[in-house]
Amino acid sequence: MTHKTLHDHLNWRYATKKMDAAKAVPQDKVDAIIEAIRMAPTSSGTQPFELIVVTNDAIRGKIAEAAFGQAQITDGSHLLVFAAWDNYTAARIDDVVKLNVDARGDLPTLHDYYENLKSMYLPRDAEDNYAHAARQAYIALGVALVAAAEQEVDSTPMEGFDPDAVDAILGLKERGLRSVLLLPLGYRDPEGDWLLSMEKVRKPRATIVTEVA
């Protein structure tokens, strides 16, 4: 059996336009993708977002309406919603400190580091802090796309939705969260997806990479 490289998996994946509604992603593959998201790097290890995994058909139907009818949301078997913190708070940063203390012990510089973080983040405008948290969710999305490809699970990252509507559907505002990204998971429909047969299009290395030696 030929071992597939990371590049093989990345060449295989594409933003799937039509998913096979009859094929569900096995739970072990979903779990592997979720674990990759959990392990993704974030600024100062804050992980300032949560992941909502939606399999309920009715709720996915409502979210699809808020996403301009994008059928992958309902044709896929799982919908991952990346929801960023609406703001940084002392309590949220203190929870990160506790995680570090529990895992690594009470290191001398630990509290100073995160107290300094508070002094920078807490006075900032909430919208600036949300934007920073949302960028961390994007890092996790990138990891999720690679993890899904490695599991040979199709996925389609989506920004095209009404976040206020999705927040209301999932009750995110009450939890201090705001939806940032949607990621349906499923399996491509070979007969129904017009994009599947298309050549992958990427800029050549020479136009996208500048090397400074």
N, C-alpha and C. Protein backbone atom coordinates (compact mmCIF):
# COMPACT_ATOMS: atom_id res chain seq x y z
N MET A 1 0.85 -1.20 0.00
CA MET A 1 0.00 0.00 0.00
C MET A 1 0.89 1.24 0.00
N THR A 2 0.63 2.15 -0.91
CA THR A 2 1.43 3.35 -1.03
C THR A 2 1.08 4.34 0.08
N HIS A 3 2.11 4.84 0.75
CA HIS A 3 1.91 5.83 1.80
C HIS A 3 1.64 7.19 1.18
N LYS A 4 0.56 7.82 1.62
CA LYS A 4 0.22 9.14 1.10
C LYS A 4 0.93 10.22 1.91
N THR A 5 1.51 11.17 1.21
CA THR A 5 2.19 12.27 1.87
C THR A 5 1.19 13.38 2.18
N LEU A 6 1.64 14.36 2.95
CA LEU A 6 0.81 15.51 3.24
C LEU A 6 0.39 16.22 1.95
N HIS A 7 1.33 16.33 1.01
CA HIS A 7 1.01 16.98 -0.26
C HIS A 7 -0.04 16.19 -1.04
N ASP A 8 0.00 14.87 -0.95
CA ASP A 8 -1.03 14.04 -1.59
C ASP A 8 -2.41 14.40 -1.04
N HIS A 9 -2.49 14.50 0.27
CA HIS A 9 -3.78 14.81 0.90
C HIS A 9 -4.25 16.21 0.52
N LEU A 10 -3.33 17.16 0.47
CA LEU A 10 -3.71 18.53 0.12
C LEU A 10 -4.13 18.64 -1.34
N ASN A 11 -3.51 17.85 -2.21
CA ASN A 11 -3.94 17.83 -3.61
C ASN A 11 -5.31 17.18 -3.77
N TRP A 12 -5.61 16.23 -2.87
CA TRP A 12 -6.90 15.52 -2.93
C TRP A 12 -8.05 16.42 -2.51
N ARG A 13 -7.82 17.27 -1.51
CA ARG A 13 -8.92 18.06 -0.95
C ARG A 13 -9.28 19.23 -1.86
N TYR A 14 -10.51 19.63 -1.77
CA TYR A 14 -10.99 20.83 -2.45
C TYR A 14 -12.24 21.28 -1.71
N ALA A 15 -12.69 22.49 -1.98
CA ALA A 15 -13.90 22.99 -1.33
C ALA A 15 -15.12 22.31 -1.97
N THR A 16 -15.54 21.23 -1.38
CA THR A 16 -16.58 20.39 -1.95
C THR A 16 -17.89 21.16 -2.10
N LYS A 17 -18.44 21.12 -3.31
CA LYS A 17 -19.65 21.88 -3.62
C LYS A 17 -20.93 21.05 -3.45
N LYS A 18 -20.81 19.74 -3.63
CA LYS A 18 -21.98 18.88 -3.49
C LYS A 18 -21.59 17.65 -2.71
N MET A 19 -22.24 17.45 -1.57
CA MET A 19 -21.94 16.29 -0.73
C MET A 19 -23.03 15.24 -0.86
N ASP A 20 -22.65 14.01 -0.63
CA ASP A 20 -23.56 12.87 -0.70
C ASP A 20 -24.32 12.77 0.62
N ALA A 21 -25.58 13.13 0.61
CA ALA A 21 -26.38 13.15 1.83
C ALA A 21 -26.59 11.77 2.44
N ALA A 22 -26.32 10.72 1.66
CA ALA A 22 -26.53 9.36 2.15
C ALA A 22 -25.32 8.81 2.90
N LYS A 23 -24.20 9.53 2.87
CA LYS A 23 -22.97 9.03 3.50
C LYS A 23 -22.61 9.91 4.70
N ALA A 24 -22.53 9.27 5.86
CA ALA A 24 -22.17 9.98 7.09
C ALA A 24 -20.70 9.75 7.41
N VAL A 25 -20.06 10.75 7.97
CA VAL A 25 -18.67 10.61 8.40
C VAL A 25 -18.62 9.80 9.69
N PRO A 26 -17.82 8.73 9.76
CA PRO A 26 -17.73 7.94 10.98
C PRO A 26 -17.24 8.79 12.16
N GLN A 27 -17.72 8.44 13.35
CA GLN A 27 -17.41 9.25 14.53
C GLN A 27 -15.91 9.30 14.82
N ASP A 28 -15.19 8.21 14.54
CA ASP A 28 -13.76 8.23 14.85
C ASP A 28 -13.02 9.26 13.98
N LYS A 29 -13.48 9.45 12.75
CA LYS A 29 -12.86 10.45 11.89
C LYS A 29 -13.22 11.87 12.35
N VAL A 30 -14.48 12.07 12.75
CA VAL A 30 -14.87 13.36 13.30
C VAL A 30 -14.05 13.68 14.54
N ASP A 31 -13.90 12.67 15.40
CA ASP A 31 -13.13 12.87 16.62
C ASP A 31 -11.68 13.24 16.33
N ALA A 32 -11.10 12.64 15.29
CA ALA A 32 -9.71 12.96 14.92
C ALA A 32 -9.59 14.41 14.46
N ILE A 33 -10.59 14.88 13.72
CA ILE A 33 -10.58 16.27 13.25
C ILE A 33 -10.77 17.22 14.43
N ILE A 34 -11.68 16.89 15.33
CA ILE A 34 -11.90 17.73 16.51
C ILE A 34 -10.64 17.79 17.37
N GLU A 35 -9.98 16.67 17.53
CA GLU A 35 -8.75 16.66 18.35
C GLU A 35 -7.67 17.53 17.71
N ALA A 36 -7.58 17.51 16.39
CA ALA A 36 -6.62 18.37 15.71
C ALA A 36 -6.93 19.84 15.97
N ILE A 37 -8.21 20.18 15.95
CA ILE A 37 -8.62 21.55 16.25
C ILE A 37 -8.24 21.91 17.69
N ARG A 38 -8.49 21.00 18.61
CA ARG A 38 -8.14 21.25 20.00
C ARG A 38 -6.65 21.48 20.18
N MET A 39 -5.84 20.81 19.36
CA MET A 39 -4.39 20.89 19.47
C MET A 39 -3.79 22.05 18.68
N ALA A 40 -4.61 22.79 17.95
CA ALA A 40 -4.11 23.88 17.10
C ALA A 40 -3.46 24.97 17.96
N PRO A 41 -2.40 25.60 17.43
CA PRO A 41 -1.77 26.70 18.17
C PRO A 41 -2.64 27.94 18.18
N THR A 42 -2.56 28.69 19.28
CA THR A 42 -3.24 29.99 19.37
C THR A 42 -2.35 30.95 20.15
N SER A 43 -2.64 32.22 20.01
CA SER A 43 -1.84 33.26 20.65
C SER A 43 -1.84 33.10 22.17
N SER A 44 -0.65 33.00 22.74
CA SER A 44 -0.47 32.84 24.20
C SER A 44 -1.21 31.63 24.76
N GLY A 45 -1.53 30.68 23.90
CA GLY A 45 -2.21 29.47 24.34
C GLY A 45 -3.59 29.71 24.90
N THR A 46 -4.22 30.82 24.51
CA THR A 46 -5.52 31.16 25.09
C THR A 46 -6.68 30.33 24.55
N GLN A 47 -6.55 29.81 23.33
CA GLN A 47 -7.64 29.09 22.67
C GLN A 47 -8.97 29.84 22.83
N PRO A 48 -9.04 31.08 22.32
CA PRO A 48 -10.20 31.93 22.60
C PRO A 48 -11.40 31.69 21.69
N PHE A 49 -11.74 30.46 21.53
CA PHE A 49 -12.91 30.10 20.72
C PHE A 49 -13.44 28.77 21.22
N GLU A 50 -14.64 28.46 20.82
CA GLU A 50 -15.23 27.15 21.09
C GLU A 50 -15.70 26.55 19.78
N LEU A 51 -15.86 25.25 19.78
CA LEU A 51 -16.31 24.52 18.60
C LEU A 51 -17.66 23.90 18.90
N ILE A 52 -18.65 24.22 18.08
CA ILE A 52 -19.98 23.62 18.23
C ILE A 52 -20.16 22.62 17.09
N VAL A 53 -20.42 21.38 17.44
CA VAL A 53 -20.59 20.30 16.46
C VAL A 53 -22.09 20.03 16.33
N VAL A 54 -22.63 20.32 15.16
CA VAL A 54 -24.07 20.23 14.95
C VAL A 54 -24.39 19.07 14.02
N THR A 55 -25.18 18.13 14.53
CA THR A 55 -25.68 17.03 13.69
C THR A 55 -27.19 17.06 13.57
N ASN A 56 -27.86 17.81 14.42
CA ASN A 56 -29.31 17.90 14.39
C ASN A 56 -29.79 18.45 13.04
N ASP A 57 -30.65 17.70 12.38
CA ASP A 57 -31.08 18.08 11.02
C ASP A 57 -31.83 19.40 11.01
N ALA A 58 -32.72 19.60 11.97
CA ALA A 58 -33.54 20.82 11.98
C ALA A 58 -32.67 22.05 12.21
N ILE A 59 -31.73 21.94 13.12
CA ILE A 59 -30.86 23.09 13.41
C ILE A 59 -29.94 23.37 12.22
N ARG A 60 -29.42 22.31 11.60
CA ARG A 60 -28.59 22.54 10.41
C ARG A 60 -29.41 23.17 9.29
N GLY A 61 -30.68 22.81 9.21
CA GLY A 61 -31.55 23.42 8.21
C GLY A 61 -31.70 24.91 8.45
N LYS A 62 -31.86 25.31 9.70
CA LYS A 62 -31.98 26.73 10.03
C LYS A 62 -30.68 27.47 9.72
N ILE A 63 -29.55 26.82 10.04
CA ILE A 63 -28.26 27.46 9.76
C ILE A 63 -28.06 27.59 8.25
N ALA A 64 -28.49 26.59 7.48
CA ALA A 64 -28.38 26.67 6.02
C ALA A 64 -29.16 27.86 5.49
N GLU A 65 -30.32 28.13 6.06
CA GLU A 65 -31.09 29.30 5.64
C GLU A 65 -30.32 30.59 5.93
N ALA A 66 -29.60 30.60 7.06
CA ALA A 66 -28.80 31.78 7.41
C ALA A 66 -27.51 31.85 6.61
N ALA A 67 -27.23 30.79 5.84
CA ALA A 67 -26.03 30.74 5.01
C ALA A 67 -26.40 30.71 3.53
N PHE A 68 -27.52 31.36 3.21
CA PHE A 68 -27.93 31.55 1.82
C PHE A 68 -28.14 30.23 1.08
N GLY A 69 -28.61 29.22 1.83
CA GLY A 69 -29.00 27.97 1.22
C GLY A 69 -27.86 27.06 0.79
N GLN A 70 -26.68 27.25 1.33
CA GLN A 70 -25.54 26.40 0.94
C GLN A 70 -25.82 24.97 1.40
N ALA A 71 -25.99 24.08 0.42
CA ALA A 71 -26.52 22.74 0.68
C ALA A 71 -25.56 21.83 1.42
N GLN A 72 -24.26 22.13 1.40
CA GLN A 72 -23.30 21.27 2.10
C GLN A 72 -23.62 21.19 3.59
N ILE A 73 -24.25 22.23 4.12
CA ILE A 73 -24.57 22.27 5.55
C ILE A 73 -25.55 21.17 5.92
N THR A 74 -26.47 20.88 5.02
CA THR A 74 -27.46 19.84 5.29
C THR A 74 -27.12 18.51 4.61
N ASP A 75 -26.39 18.54 3.51
CA ASP A 75 -26.01 17.30 2.83
C ASP A 75 -24.87 16.60 3.53
N GLY A 76 -23.97 17.35 4.16
CA GLY A 76 -22.93 16.75 4.99
C GLY A 76 -23.56 16.17 6.24
N SER A 77 -22.80 15.39 6.97
CA SER A 77 -23.37 14.76 8.17
C SER A 77 -23.06 15.54 9.45
N HIS A 78 -22.02 16.39 9.41
CA HIS A 78 -21.63 17.16 10.59
C HIS A 78 -21.34 18.59 10.17
N LEU A 79 -21.71 19.53 11.01
CA LEU A 79 -21.38 20.93 10.79
C LEU A 79 -20.57 21.42 11.98
N LEU A 80 -19.36 21.90 11.72
CA LEU A 80 -18.54 22.49 12.77
C LEU A 80 -18.71 24.00 12.70
N VAL A 81 -19.04 24.59 13.83
CA VAL A 81 -19.18 26.04 13.94
C VAL A 81 -18.07 26.55 14.86
N PHE A 82 -17.20 27.37 14.33
CA PHE A 82 -16.14 27.99 15.12
C PHE A 82 -16.69 29.30 15.69
N ALA A 83 -16.72 29.40 17.01
CA ALA A 83 -17.30 30.57 17.67
C ALA A 83 -16.24 31.19 18.58
N ALA A 84 -15.87 32.43 18.28
CA ALA A 84 -14.82 33.11 19.03
C ALA A 84 -15.39 33.80 20.26
N TRP A 85 -14.53 33.99 21.26
CA TRP A 85 -14.92 34.80 22.41
C TRP A 85 -15.32 36.19 21.94
N ASP A 86 -16.34 36.75 22.56
CA ASP A 86 -16.74 38.11 22.19
C ASP A 86 -15.83 39.16 22.81
N ASN A 87 -15.02 38.75 23.80
CA ASN A 87 -14.09 39.67 24.43
C ASN A 87 -13.14 38.85 25.31
N TYR A 88 -12.00 39.43 25.61
CA TYR A 88 -11.12 38.85 26.63
C TYR A 88 -11.52 39.41 27.98
N THR A 89 -11.59 38.55 28.98
CA THR A 89 -11.91 38.97 30.34
C THR A 89 -10.87 38.41 31.29
N ALA A 90 -10.82 39.00 32.49
CA ALA A 90 -9.89 38.50 33.50
C ALA A 90 -10.19 37.05 33.83
N ALA A 91 -11.48 36.71 33.92
CA ALA A 91 -11.86 35.34 34.27
C ALA A 91 -11.41 34.36 33.20
N ARG A 92 -11.56 34.72 31.94
CA ARG A 92 -11.16 33.82 30.86
C ARG A 92 -9.64 33.62 30.84
N ILE A 93 -8.91 34.68 31.07
CA ILE A 93 -7.45 34.55 31.10
C ILE A 93 -7.01 33.78 32.34
N ASP A 94 -7.69 33.99 33.47
CA ASP A 94 -7.37 33.23 34.69
C ASP A 94 -7.59 31.74 34.48
N ASP A 95 -8.61 31.38 33.70
CA ASP A 95 -8.84 29.96 33.40
C ASP A 95 -7.66 29.36 32.62
N VAL A 96 -7.08 30.16 31.72
CA VAL A 96 -5.90 29.71 30.99
C VAL A 96 -4.72 29.51 31.94
N VAL A 97 -4.57 30.44 32.87
CA VAL A 97 -3.50 30.32 33.87
C VAL A 97 -3.67 29.03 34.66
N LYS A 98 -4.89 28.74 35.10
CA LYS A 98 -5.14 27.52 35.88
C LYS A 98 -4.79 26.27 35.09
N LEU A 99 -5.14 26.26 33.81
CA LEU A 99 -4.78 25.11 32.97
C LEU A 99 -3.27 24.91 32.95
N ASN A 100 -2.53 26.01 32.83
CA ASN A 100 -1.07 25.93 32.80
C ASN A 100 -0.51 25.45 34.13
N VAL A 101 -1.05 25.97 35.22
CA VAL A 101 -0.58 25.56 36.55
C VAL A 101 -0.85 24.08 36.77
N ASP A 102 -2.04 23.63 36.39
CA ASP A 102 -2.39 22.22 36.57
C ASP A 102 -1.49 21.31 35.75
N ALA A 103 -1.07 21.76 34.56
CA ALA A 103 -0.28 20.92 33.67
C ALA A 103 1.21 21.01 33.95
N ARG A 104 1.70 22.21 34.32
CA ARG A 104 3.14 22.45 34.39
C ARG A 104 3.65 22.85 35.76
N GLY A 105 2.73 23.07 36.69
CA GLY A 105 3.13 23.58 37.99
C GLY A 105 3.11 25.10 38.00
N ASP A 106 3.25 25.64 39.20
CA ASP A 106 3.15 27.09 39.37
C ASP A 106 4.51 27.74 39.10
N LEU A 107 4.83 27.91 37.82
CA LEU A 107 6.13 28.45 37.43
C LEU A 107 6.22 29.93 37.80
N PRO A 108 7.41 30.40 38.18
CA PRO A 108 7.57 31.78 38.68
C PRO A 108 7.10 32.85 37.71
N THR A 109 7.34 32.64 36.40
CA THR A 109 7.03 33.69 35.44
C THR A 109 5.61 33.59 34.87
N LEU A 110 4.90 32.53 35.23
CA LEU A 110 3.60 32.28 34.61
C LEU A 110 2.60 33.40 34.89
N HIS A 111 2.46 33.75 36.16
CA HIS A 111 1.46 34.76 36.52
C HIS A 111 1.83 36.13 35.96
N ASP A 112 3.12 36.44 35.98
CA ASP A 112 3.56 37.73 35.43
C ASP A 112 3.21 37.83 33.95
N TYR A 113 3.42 36.72 33.23
CA TYR A 113 3.14 36.72 31.79
C TYR A 113 1.67 37.04 31.54
N TYR A 114 0.79 36.33 32.23
CA TYR A 114 -0.63 36.51 31.95
C TYR A 114 -1.20 37.79 32.57
N GLU A 115 -0.59 38.28 33.66
CA GLU A 115 -1.00 39.59 34.17
C GLU A 115 -0.63 40.67 33.16
N ASN A 116 0.51 40.51 32.51
CA ASN A 116 0.89 41.45 31.46
C ASN A 116 -0.08 41.38 30.28
N LEU A 117 -0.51 40.13 29.98
CA LEU A 117 -1.50 39.96 28.91
C LEU A 117 -2.80 40.69 29.25
N LYS A 118 -3.23 40.56 30.48
CA LYS A 118 -4.44 41.28 30.91
C LYS A 118 -4.28 42.78 30.74
N SER A 119 -3.09 43.29 31.11
CA SER A 119 -2.88 44.74 31.03
C SER A 119 -2.95 45.23 29.59
N MET A 120 -2.65 44.34 28.63
CA MET A 120 -2.73 44.72 27.21
C MET A 120 -4.13 44.51 26.65
N TYR A 121 -4.76 43.39 26.98
CA TYR A 121 -6.03 43.02 26.36
C TYR A 121 -7.25 43.68 26.99
N LEU A 122 -7.31 43.71 28.32
CA LEU A 122 -8.54 44.12 28.98
C LEU A 122 -8.93 45.58 28.71
N PRO A 123 -7.97 46.50 28.56
CA PRO A 123 -8.39 47.88 28.25
C PRO A 123 -8.83 48.08 26.80
N ARG A 124 -8.56 47.13 25.94
CA ARG A 124 -8.87 47.31 24.52
C ARG A 124 -10.37 47.24 24.27
N ASP A 125 -10.77 47.82 23.16
CA ASP A 125 -12.15 47.74 22.74
C ASP A 125 -12.56 46.29 22.51
N ALA A 126 -13.76 45.95 22.91
CA ALA A 126 -14.24 44.57 22.78
C ALA A 126 -14.18 44.08 21.34
N GLU A 127 -14.46 44.94 20.40
CA GLU A 127 -14.45 44.54 18.99
C GLU A 127 -13.04 44.18 18.54
N ASP A 128 -12.03 44.90 19.04
CA ASP A 128 -10.64 44.56 18.72
C ASP A 128 -10.27 43.20 19.29
N ASN A 129 -10.73 42.96 20.52
CA ASN A 129 -10.43 41.67 21.15
C ASN A 129 -11.15 40.52 20.44
N TYR A 130 -12.39 40.76 20.03
CA TYR A 130 -13.10 39.73 19.26
C TYR A 130 -12.36 39.43 17.97
N ALA A 131 -11.90 40.47 17.27
CA ALA A 131 -11.18 40.27 16.01
C ALA A 131 -9.92 39.45 16.24
N HIS A 132 -9.24 39.69 17.34
CA HIS A 132 -8.04 38.91 17.65
C HIS A 132 -8.41 37.46 17.93
N ALA A 133 -9.47 37.25 18.71
CA ALA A 133 -9.92 35.89 19.00
C ALA A 133 -10.35 35.17 17.73
N ALA A 134 -11.03 35.90 16.83
CA ALA A 134 -11.47 35.28 15.58
C ALA A 134 -10.30 34.82 14.74
N ARG A 135 -9.20 35.58 14.77
CA ARG A 135 -8.02 35.16 14.00
C ARG A 135 -7.45 33.84 14.53
N GLN A 136 -7.61 33.60 15.81
CA GLN A 136 -7.14 32.32 16.36
C GLN A 136 -8.02 31.18 15.86
N ALA A 137 -9.31 31.46 15.70
CA ALA A 137 -10.21 30.45 15.14
C ALA A 137 -9.82 30.10 13.71
N TYR A 138 -9.33 31.10 12.97
CA TYR A 138 -8.89 30.84 11.60
C TYR A 138 -7.67 29.91 11.57
N ILE A 139 -6.78 30.08 12.56
CA ILE A 139 -5.64 29.16 12.65
C ILE A 139 -6.15 27.73 12.83
N ALA A 140 -7.12 27.58 13.73
CA ALA A 140 -7.68 26.25 13.98
C ALA A 140 -8.40 25.71 12.76
N LEU A 141 -9.05 26.59 12.00
CA LEU A 141 -9.70 26.15 10.76
C LEU A 141 -8.68 25.55 9.80
N GLY A 142 -7.52 26.21 9.66
CA GLY A 142 -6.49 25.69 8.76
C GLY A 142 -6.06 24.29 9.17
N VAL A 143 -5.89 24.10 10.48
CA VAL A 143 -5.52 22.77 10.98
C VAL A 143 -6.65 21.77 10.69
N ALA A 144 -7.90 22.21 10.86
CA ALA A 144 -9.04 21.33 10.62
C ALA A 144 -9.11 20.88 9.17
N LEU A 145 -8.82 21.78 8.23
CA LEU A 145 -8.86 21.43 6.82
C LEU A 145 -7.81 20.37 6.49
N VAL A 146 -6.63 20.52 7.06
CA VAL A 146 -5.57 19.53 6.83
C VAL A 146 -5.95 18.20 7.49
N ALA A 147 -6.48 18.26 8.69
CA ALA A 147 -6.88 17.04 9.40
C ALA A 147 -7.99 16.31 8.65
N ALA A 148 -8.95 17.05 8.13
CA ALA A 148 -10.03 16.41 7.37
C ALA A 148 -9.47 15.74 6.12
N ALA A 149 -8.54 16.40 5.44
CA ALA A 149 -7.93 15.80 4.26
C ALA A 149 -7.17 14.54 4.62
N GLU A 150 -6.48 14.58 5.73
CA GLU A 150 -5.72 13.40 6.16
C GLU A 150 -6.65 12.23 6.45
N GLN A 151 -7.87 12.53 6.93
CA GLN A 151 -8.87 11.50 7.20
C GLN A 151 -9.67 11.14 5.96
N GLU A 152 -9.37 11.83 4.83
CA GLU A 152 -10.11 11.67 3.58
C GLU A 152 -11.61 11.94 3.79
N VAL A 153 -11.84 13.02 4.53
CA VAL A 153 -13.19 13.54 4.75
C VAL A 153 -13.28 14.88 4.01
N ASP A 154 -14.35 15.08 3.28
CA ASP A 154 -14.51 16.33 2.55
C ASP A 154 -15.02 17.43 3.47
N SER A 155 -14.63 18.65 3.14
CA SER A 155 -15.02 19.79 3.96
C SER A 155 -15.12 21.03 3.08
N THR A 156 -15.89 22.00 3.55
CA THR A 156 -16.07 23.25 2.81
C THR A 156 -16.09 24.41 3.80
N PRO A 157 -15.01 25.17 3.91
CA PRO A 157 -15.01 26.31 4.83
C PRO A 157 -15.93 27.41 4.31
N MET A 158 -16.68 28.02 5.22
CA MET A 158 -17.68 29.01 4.83
C MET A 158 -17.61 30.25 5.70
N GLU A 159 -17.51 31.40 5.05
CA GLU A 159 -17.71 32.69 5.71
C GLU A 159 -19.04 33.31 5.30
N GLY A 160 -19.64 32.78 4.27
CA GLY A 160 -20.86 33.36 3.71
C GLY A 160 -22.10 32.96 4.49
N PHE A 161 -22.32 33.63 5.61
CA PHE A 161 -23.52 33.38 6.41
C PHE A 161 -23.78 34.61 7.27
N ASP A 162 -24.97 34.67 7.82
CA ASP A 162 -25.36 35.77 8.70
C ASP A 162 -24.98 35.38 10.13
N PRO A 163 -23.89 35.93 10.66
CA PRO A 163 -23.43 35.49 11.98
C PRO A 163 -24.44 35.79 13.09
N ASP A 164 -25.15 36.91 13.00
CA ASP A 164 -26.14 37.21 14.03
C ASP A 164 -27.23 36.15 14.07
N ALA A 165 -27.63 35.69 12.89
CA ALA A 165 -28.67 34.66 12.82
C ALA A 165 -28.16 33.34 13.39
N VAL A 166 -26.93 32.97 13.03
CA VAL A 166 -26.36 31.72 13.55
C VAL A 166 -26.17 31.81 15.07
N ASP A 167 -25.73 32.97 15.54
CA ASP A 167 -25.59 33.16 16.98
C ASP A 167 -26.92 32.95 17.70
N ALA A 168 -27.99 33.47 17.10
CA ALA A 168 -29.31 33.32 17.71
C ALA A 168 -29.78 31.87 17.69
N ILE A 169 -29.55 31.19 16.58
CA ILE A 169 -29.97 29.79 16.46
C ILE A 169 -29.29 28.92 17.51
N LEU A 170 -28.02 29.18 17.76
CA LEU A 170 -27.23 28.35 18.68
C LEU A 170 -27.13 28.92 20.09
N GLY A 171 -27.72 30.08 20.33
CA GLY A 171 -27.65 30.68 21.65
C GLY A 171 -26.25 31.08 22.06
N LEU A 172 -25.48 31.60 21.11
CA LEU A 172 -24.07 31.89 21.38
C LEU A 172 -23.86 33.18 22.16
N LYS A 173 -24.68 34.19 21.90
CA LYS A 173 -24.50 35.47 22.58
C LYS A 173 -24.55 35.31 24.08
N GLU A 174 -25.45 34.46 24.55
CA GLU A 174 -25.59 34.24 25.99
C GLU A 174 -24.36 33.57 26.58
N ARG A 175 -23.57 32.95 25.75
CA ARG A 175 -22.36 32.27 26.21
C ARG A 175 -21.11 33.11 25.96
N GLY A 176 -21.29 34.36 25.53
CA GLY A 176 -20.15 35.23 25.27
C GLY A 176 -19.37 34.81 24.05
N LEU A 177 -20.07 34.28 23.03
CA LEU A 177 -19.43 33.79 21.82
C LEU A 177 -20.07 34.42 20.59
N ARG A 178 -19.29 34.46 19.51
CA ARG A 178 -19.78 34.94 18.21
C ARG A 178 -19.29 34.01 17.12
N SER A 179 -20.20 33.58 16.25
CA SER A 179 -19.83 32.64 15.18
C SER A 179 -18.91 33.33 14.18
N VAL A 180 -17.89 32.59 13.76
CA VAL A 180 -16.87 33.13 12.85
C VAL A 180 -16.85 32.36 11.54
N LEU A 181 -16.89 31.04 11.63
CA LEU A 181 -16.70 30.17 10.47
C LEU A 181 -17.59 28.95 10.58
N LEU A 182 -18.02 28.45 9.42
CA LEU A 182 -18.73 27.18 9.34
C LEU A 182 -17.88 26.19 8.55
N LEU A 183 -17.89 24.93 8.98
CA LEU A 183 -17.16 23.89 8.26
C LEU A 183 -18.00 22.61 8.20
N PRO A 184 -18.78 22.44 7.12
CA PRO A 184 -19.49 21.17 6.94
C PRO A 184 -18.50 20.04 6.63
N LEU A 185 -18.78 18.87 7.18
CA LEU A 185 -18.00 17.66 6.91
C LEU A 185 -18.90 16.63 6.25
N GLY A 186 -18.37 15.94 5.26
CA GLY A 186 -19.15 14.90 4.60
C GLY A 186 -18.32 14.22 3.53
N TYR A 187 -18.99 13.70 2.51
CA TYR A 187 -18.31 13.02 1.42
C TYR A 187 -18.83 13.56 0.08
N ARG A 188 -17.91 13.81 -0.81
CA ARG A 188 -18.25 14.37 -2.12
C ARG A 188 -19.22 13.48 -2.90
N ASP A 189 -20.08 14.12 -3.63
CA ASP A 189 -20.98 13.42 -4.54
C ASP A 189 -20.35 13.46 -5.93
N PRO A 190 -19.73 12.35 -6.38
CA PRO A 190 -18.98 12.38 -7.64
C PRO A 190 -19.82 12.77 -8.85
N GLU A 191 -21.10 12.47 -8.82
CA GLU A 191 -21.95 12.77 -9.97
C GLU A 191 -22.55 14.18 -9.90
N GLY A 192 -22.65 14.74 -8.69
CA GLY A 192 -23.35 16.00 -8.57
C GLY A 192 -22.46 17.22 -8.37
N ASP A 193 -21.16 16.99 -8.18
CA ASP A 193 -20.27 18.12 -7.89
C ASP A 193 -19.51 18.54 -9.14
N TRP A 194 -19.86 19.71 -9.65
CA TRP A 194 -19.25 20.21 -10.89
C TRP A 194 -17.77 20.52 -10.72
N LEU A 195 -17.34 20.76 -9.48
CA LEU A 195 -15.95 21.18 -9.26
C LEU A 195 -14.97 20.00 -9.19
N LEU A 196 -15.51 18.81 -8.92
CA LEU A 196 -14.64 17.66 -8.67
C LEU A 196 -13.69 17.37 -9.82
N SER A 197 -14.15 17.49 -11.06
CA SER A 197 -13.32 17.14 -12.21
C SER A 197 -12.37 18.27 -12.63
N MET A 198 -12.49 19.40 -11.98
CA MET A 198 -11.68 20.55 -12.37
C MET A 198 -10.25 20.43 -11.83
N GLU A 199 -9.31 20.97 -12.58
CA GLU A 199 -7.92 21.01 -12.14
C GLU A 199 -7.80 21.95 -10.94
N LYS A 200 -6.98 21.55 -9.97
CA LYS A 200 -6.73 22.44 -8.84
C LYS A 200 -5.93 23.64 -9.33
N VAL A 201 -6.32 24.83 -8.88
CA VAL A 201 -5.66 26.06 -9.33
C VAL A 201 -4.98 26.73 -8.14
N ARG A 202 -3.67 26.88 -8.24
CA ARG A 202 -2.89 27.59 -7.23
C ARG A 202 -1.82 28.41 -7.93
N LYS A 203 -1.45 29.53 -7.34
CA LYS A 203 -0.38 30.34 -7.89
C LYS A 203 0.92 29.54 -7.89
N PRO A 204 1.77 29.74 -8.89
CA PRO A 204 3.08 29.07 -8.86
C PRO A 204 3.94 29.64 -7.73
N ARG A 205 4.87 28.82 -7.28
CA ARG A 205 5.72 29.21 -6.16
C ARG A 205 6.41 30.55 -6.42
N ALA A 206 6.87 30.77 -7.63
CA ALA A 206 7.64 31.97 -7.93
C ALA A 206 6.83 33.24 -7.73
N THR A 207 5.51 33.17 -7.85
CA THR A 207 4.69 34.37 -7.70
C THR A 207 4.18 34.59 -6.29
N ILE A 208 4.29 33.58 -5.44
CA ILE A 208 3.72 33.71 -4.09
C ILE A 208 4.80 33.67 -3.00
N VAL A 209 6.01 33.24 -3.37
CA VAL A 209 7.07 33.10 -2.36
C VAL A 209 8.22 34.05 -2.71
N THR A 210 8.63 34.82 -1.73
CA THR A 210 9.84 35.64 -1.83
C THR A 210 10.82 35.14 -0.79
N GLU A 211 11.99 34.78 -1.22
CA GLU A 211 13.01 34.29 -0.30
C GLU A 211 14.03 35.39 0.00
N VAL A 212 14.24 35.64 1.27
CA VAL A 212 15.20 36.65 1.71
C VAL A 212 16.35 35.92 2.39
N ALA A 213 17.47 35.79 1.67
CA ALA A 213 18.60 35.01 2.18
C ALA A 213 19.55 35.90 2.98
